[in-house]
Amino acid sequence: MAATAEIVTIKRGRKFDQVLDGARTVFMRDGFEGASVDDIAAEAGVSKATLYSYFPDKRILFIEVAKSECRRQADEAEALVTLSAPPECVLPEAARRIIDFSLSEFGRSVFRICVAEAERFPELGREFYASGPGLVRERIAAYLNGAVARGELKIDDVYLAADQFAELCKADIFPCVCFGIKSSFSAADRDRIAKGAVEMFLARYGVKKG
């Protein structure tokens, strides 16, 4: 697909979701670079002409899939924990999901594309942030506000705290992945990072009991 000078208005039609589902399967399997238009069209059960009519640029299709995937994962995470559950229950689950997404091939592909295209297509990064990291930030902040109101946490700036929590979940992971030092992390590695993130966060913002 040829590069475009700016983000185009996405056309939504009868086969839009069908194209998106097919693209999600191929991108999750092959990554951005490995995904071909032919494979996406075949997986979606549509012609290449139909695919191009919705998404004239593969980058735009990828970001749309990324946004949809982020919303899906955020909804699943929210369904797994109630907004009234204590931080000791909610934060470990949130940490594991942030870590798993950051280490997934899909998550790494999203990051690489947004960084690589930041100057030519800044809209890609902005759109992804709004429905990806930005959405996670809003939901974490909303939970933290509730925990503060219940007296479980003491936080003056919930958005700063939400950002800090997300960054704690990337400790020891993000630099290794970015610089190609290490790409595979065991379940024990992920649990160690999640546990450390939650413990440090609660040490700063937790309310001592008794």
Protein backbone atom coordinates (compact mmCIF):
# COMPACT_ATOMS: atom_id res chain seq x y z
CA MET A 1 0.00 0.00 0.00
CA ALA A 2 1.37 3.42 -0.88
CA ALA A 3 2.16 5.89 1.88
CA THR A 4 -0.23 8.78 2.27
CA ALA A 5 0.66 12.33 3.21
CA GLU A 6 -1.91 12.46 5.97
CA ILE A 7 -4.44 10.36 7.82
CA VAL A 8 -7.44 9.74 5.59
CA THR A 9 -11.01 9.56 6.78
CA ILE A 10 -11.79 5.89 7.26
CA LYS A 11 -14.75 4.69 5.27
CA ARG A 12 -17.05 2.40 7.23
CA GLY A 13 -19.29 0.01 5.40
CA ARG A 14 -20.87 -3.43 5.43
CA LYS A 15 -17.56 -5.34 5.39
CA PHE A 16 -15.56 -2.98 7.61
CA ASP A 17 -15.59 -5.26 10.67
CA GLN A 18 -14.87 -8.26 8.46
CA VAL A 19 -11.74 -6.56 7.12
CA LEU A 20 -10.70 -5.50 10.60
CA ASP A 21 -11.08 -9.04 12.01
CA GLY A 22 -9.05 -10.52 9.17
CA ALA A 23 -6.33 -7.90 9.56
CA ARG A 24 -6.18 -8.50 13.32
CA THR A 25 -5.59 -12.22 12.76
CA VAL A 26 -2.79 -11.61 10.25
CA PHE A 27 -1.10 -8.79 12.18
CA MET A 28 -1.17 -10.77 15.43
CA ARG A 29 0.31 -13.76 13.61
CA ASP A 30 2.84 -12.10 11.29
CA GLY A 31 3.48 -8.63 12.73
CA PHE A 32 3.32 -5.45 10.65
CA GLU A 33 6.21 -6.08 8.29
CA GLY A 34 5.30 -9.73 7.69
CA ALA A 35 1.64 -9.06 6.97
CA SER A 36 0.81 -8.84 3.29
CA VAL A 37 -2.24 -7.25 1.73
CA ASP A 38 -2.98 -10.53 -0.07
CA ASP A 39 -2.98 -12.46 3.21
CA ILE A 40 -5.19 -9.90 4.93
CA ALA A 41 -7.71 -9.88 2.09
CA ALA A 42 -7.77 -13.70 2.01
CA GLU A 43 -8.20 -13.97 5.78
CA ALA A 44 -11.00 -11.39 5.71
CA GLY A 45 -12.70 -13.07 2.76
CA VAL A 46 -12.76 -9.89 0.67
CA SER A 47 -11.12 -8.69 -2.52
CA LYS A 48 -8.06 -6.46 -2.44
CA ALA A 49 -10.20 -3.75 -4.02
CA THR A 50 -12.62 -3.92 -1.09
CA LEU A 51 -9.76 -3.79 1.40
CA TYR A 52 -8.23 -0.77 -0.34
CA SER A 53 -11.61 0.97 -0.38
CA TYR A 54 -11.60 0.94 3.43
CA PHE A 55 -7.88 1.26 4.10
CA PRO A 56 -5.67 2.70 1.33
CA ASP A 57 -2.60 2.52 3.60
CA LYS A 58 -1.44 -0.50 5.61
CA ARG A 59 -0.27 1.76 8.43
CA ILE A 60 -3.78 3.12 8.89
CA LEU A 61 -5.23 -0.39 8.93
CA PHE A 62 -2.63 -1.47 11.49
CA ILE A 63 -3.35 1.46 13.81
CA GLU A 64 -7.11 0.85 13.51
CA VAL A 65 -6.54 -2.79 14.49
CA ALA A 66 -4.26 -1.64 17.33
CA LYS A 67 -6.89 0.76 18.63
CA SER A 68 -9.55 -1.93 18.49
CA GLU A 69 -7.29 -4.44 20.25
CA CYS A 70 -6.41 -1.96 22.99
CA ARG A 71 -10.06 -1.18 23.61
CA ARG A 72 -10.85 -4.91 23.75
CA GLN A 73 -8.08 -5.62 26.24
CA ALA A 74 -9.03 -2.63 28.38
CA ASP A 75 -12.66 -3.78 28.45
CA GLU A 76 -11.62 -7.32 29.39
CA ALA A 77 -9.38 -6.05 32.17
CA GLU A 78 -12.14 -3.85 33.54
CA ALA A 79 -14.56 -6.78 33.49
CA LEU A 80 -12.13 -8.95 35.49
CA VAL A 81 -11.87 -6.55 38.40
CA THR A 82 -14.56 -4.45 39.95
CA LEU A 83 -13.89 -0.76 40.46
CA SER A 84 -14.55 -1.23 44.18
CA ALA A 85 -12.04 -4.06 44.71
CA PRO A 86 -9.03 -3.15 46.90
CA PRO A 87 -5.73 -2.09 45.30
CA GLU A 88 -4.06 -5.33 46.40
CA CYS A 89 -6.45 -7.17 44.06
CA VAL A 90 -6.75 -4.70 41.18
CA LEU A 91 -3.19 -3.47 40.72
CA PRO A 92 -1.49 -6.88 40.27
CA GLU A 93 -3.98 -7.75 37.50
CA ALA A 94 -3.49 -4.35 35.86
CA ALA A 95 0.29 -4.75 36.09
CA ARG A 96 0.29 -8.18 34.46
CA ARG A 97 -1.85 -6.96 31.57
CA ILE A 98 0.36 -3.92 30.95
CA ILE A 99 3.43 -6.16 31.00
CA ASP A 100 1.93 -8.81 28.73
CA PHE A 101 0.85 -6.24 26.15
CA SER A 102 4.23 -4.48 26.23
CA LEU A 103 5.99 -7.80 25.55
CA SER A 104 3.59 -9.11 22.92
CA GLU A 105 4.69 -9.07 19.27
CA PHE A 106 1.64 -6.97 18.56
CA GLY A 107 2.46 -4.42 21.26
CA ARG A 108 6.06 -4.15 20.12
CA SER A 109 4.96 -3.74 16.50
CA VAL A 110 2.62 -0.91 17.47
CA PHE A 111 5.40 0.88 19.30
CA ARG A 112 7.90 0.45 16.45
CA ILE A 113 5.46 1.74 13.84
CA CYS A 114 4.39 4.77 15.89
CA VAL A 115 8.02 5.75 16.54
CA ALA A 116 9.18 5.08 12.96
CA GLU A 117 6.35 7.10 11.44
CA ALA A 118 6.21 9.84 14.09
CA GLU A 119 7.53 12.60 11.82
CA ARG A 120 5.74 11.67 8.60
CA PHE A 121 2.49 10.53 10.19
CA PRO A 122 2.18 12.08 13.68
CA GLU A 123 -1.57 11.39 13.61
CA LEU A 124 -0.86 7.65 13.88
CA GLY A 125 0.79 8.06 17.26
CA ARG A 126 -1.84 10.46 18.53
CA GLU A 127 -4.71 8.23 17.50
CA PHE A 128 -3.09 5.15 18.99
CA TYR A 129 -2.24 6.94 22.23
CA ALA A 130 -5.85 8.10 22.67
CA SER A 131 -7.23 4.57 22.45
CA GLY A 132 -4.23 2.71 23.87
CA PRO A 133 -1.99 4.20 26.57
CA GLY A 134 -4.31 7.18 27.01
CA LEU A 135 -7.30 4.91 27.64
CA VAL A 136 -5.32 2.81 30.12
CA ARG A 137 -4.24 6.01 31.89
CA GLU A 138 -7.83 7.22 32.17
CA ARG A 139 -9.08 3.92 33.55
CA ILE A 140 -6.26 3.58 36.06
CA ALA A 141 -6.82 7.17 37.18
CA ALA A 142 -10.56 6.52 37.57
CA TYR A 143 -9.84 3.50 39.73
CA LEU A 144 -7.29 5.41 41.82
CA ASN A 145 -9.82 8.19 42.41
CA GLY A 146 -12.24 5.62 43.80
CA ALA A 147 -9.57 4.03 45.99
CA VAL A 148 -8.68 7.48 47.36
CA ALA A 149 -12.34 8.18 48.12
CA ARG A 150 -12.57 4.85 49.99
CA GLY A 151 -9.50 5.71 52.04
CA GLU A 152 -7.41 2.89 50.55
CA LEU A 153 -4.84 5.15 48.87
CA LYS A 154 -3.54 8.65 49.50
CA ILE A 155 -2.79 10.42 46.20
CA ASP A 156 -2.73 14.12 45.36
CA ASP A 157 -2.30 13.72 41.58
CA VAL A 158 -4.00 10.56 40.28
CA TYR A 159 -2.86 11.10 36.68
CA LEU A 160 0.77 11.35 37.73
CA ALA A 161 0.30 8.25 39.88
CA ALA A 162 -1.31 6.40 36.95
CA ASP A 163 1.67 7.30 34.74
CA GLN A 164 4.09 6.20 37.45
CA PHE A 165 2.36 2.85 37.82
CA ALA A 166 2.49 2.19 34.07
CA GLU A 167 6.20 3.05 34.00
CA LEU A 168 6.93 0.79 36.98
CA CYS A 169 5.40 -2.05 34.97
CA LYS A 170 8.01 -1.48 32.25
CA ALA A 171 11.02 -1.64 34.57
CA ASP A 172 13.69 -4.05 33.26
CA ILE A 173 11.49 -4.76 30.21
CA PHE A 174 11.31 -1.66 28.07
CA PRO A 175 15.08 -0.97 27.72
CA CYS A 176 15.81 -4.63 27.00
CA VAL A 177 13.15 -4.82 24.29
CA CYS A 178 14.02 -1.44 22.72
CA PHE A 179 17.74 -2.19 22.45
CA GLY A 180 17.36 -5.85 21.51
CA ILE A 181 19.07 -7.07 24.67
CA LYS A 182 16.32 -9.52 25.52
CA SER A 183 13.02 -10.31 23.84
CA SER A 184 11.69 -13.24 25.88
CA PHE A 185 10.58 -12.99 29.49
CA SER A 186 9.37 -15.99 31.47
CA ALA A 187 6.23 -16.05 33.60
CA ALA A 188 8.50 -15.78 36.65
CA ASP A 189 10.16 -12.66 35.17
CA ARG A 190 6.77 -11.06 34.52
CA ASP A 191 5.49 -11.90 37.99
CA ARG A 192 8.63 -10.44 39.55
CA ILE A 193 8.20 -7.16 37.68
CA ALA A 194 4.46 -6.97 38.41
CA LYS A 195 5.02 -7.71 42.10
CA GLY A 196 7.77 -5.10 42.34
CA ALA A 197 5.63 -2.48 40.60
CA VAL A 198 2.68 -3.02 42.92
CA GLU A 199 4.80 -3.12 46.06
CA MET A 200 6.63 0.09 45.20
CA PHE A 201 3.41 1.85 44.22
CA LEU A 202 1.67 0.86 47.44
CA ALA A 203 4.72 1.80 49.49
CA ARG A 204 4.34 5.33 48.11
CA TYR A 205 0.57 5.70 47.99
CA GLY A 206 -0.86 3.01 50.25
CA VAL A 207 -2.60 3.89 53.49
CA LYS A 208 -1.16 2.10 56.50
CA LYS A 209 -3.76 0.16 58.40
CA GLY A 210 -4.12 -0.07 62.12
